[in-house]
Amino acid sequence: MTLRTAVNASLRLLATAAASSLIAAALVAGADAQQPATKPQPSRAAPAKPPAPAPIGAPATAEVSRKPTLGGYLGEQRLPDFQVFLPPPPAAGSPLAVADAAIFEETRKLENGPRWQLAANDDRINLKALLEDFGCSGGLDLSSVDAPAITRVLVRSSADLFALIGISKDAYKRRRPFLEHEGPICVMPSEELTESPSYPSGHSATGWLYALLLAEIDPAHGDAIIQRGRAYGESRVVCGVHYYSDIEGGRITASALVAALHGSPEFETDIASARAEMFSLHGKAAPAAAACESEKSNLATPW
């Protein structure tokens, strides 16, 4: 039985709720870990030797249903309208759809290389993992320090993003590339992954949201932070679990959300506190130089 035949048999339309819940619960679990007074919550198993990259062929991030413990700044009634700013995914046979398929085929050649390994590592999507991912670009490993103000603004903004991504995925219901094309992917496809619609990419949107917010919080490292956020989304293409247009859809969605967040006085207060906290933290937890040098070579171009 081919991979396509196997996964097609398990597709269901309940994927949207699972996909948005995945990222929400994973990030909140990471936020809980930074607050000792909070009772630990269950989360997916960590890589065998964290924070080393996830082994190639590891199962894709599992879907869970636990809801965030922190609400967003906007709520459903004030979320931006994705139908206005987010175009539908490319139609079958269109130039963009042809380009998406060509990029998928071309990036299969990266299997087992260093960019492939970075992409497998970027499959991790919890607060601690994301803060580690931005450590080199910001010159500070936020995952190893107490940063409640920064954590608060990231987690609360993410809660708004999850709702927006969820309704967008449900509207478009695009199938993932590995269901349409033959080729290796950098994770073992879980049932939840195969059921989750591909457009827009939740991983890409989350990475881009973090990049935009961290660049505001720490403008001195803004360029490098944005570069890492770009690469985080592109890792999903390298992995073979998203088309490139899914990544662009995620970035558009996150950008629209950040614009809307700036209309919230509560968000503005929190991000000001996060800037002050960032200023006080610099120099306290520098990331490993060797790891940063290795990462740098993978960020110069998309793949």
Foldseek 3Di string as FASTA:
>chain_A
DDPLVVLVVLADLVLLQQVLQLLLVQALLLVQVLPVVHDHDDADDDAPDPPAFHAFAAAFGGTDRDHHPAAAQQPPVLADDCVVQFDAPDDPPDPQVVVLLVLLVVLLVCPPHLLLRVLRRLSRRYNQSLLCLCQLLQQFSPSPDNQNLLSNLLSRLSNSLSVVQSVQQSVRQAFAQVSVDDGAFRYDYDSSLRNGGAAQPPQLLSLLLSLVLVCLLPVVSNVSSNLSSLLSLLSCSSRRGHGPVNNVRSNSSNVSSVVSLVVRPVSVVSSVVSSVSVVVCPPPGGDDPVVSVSVVVNRPDND
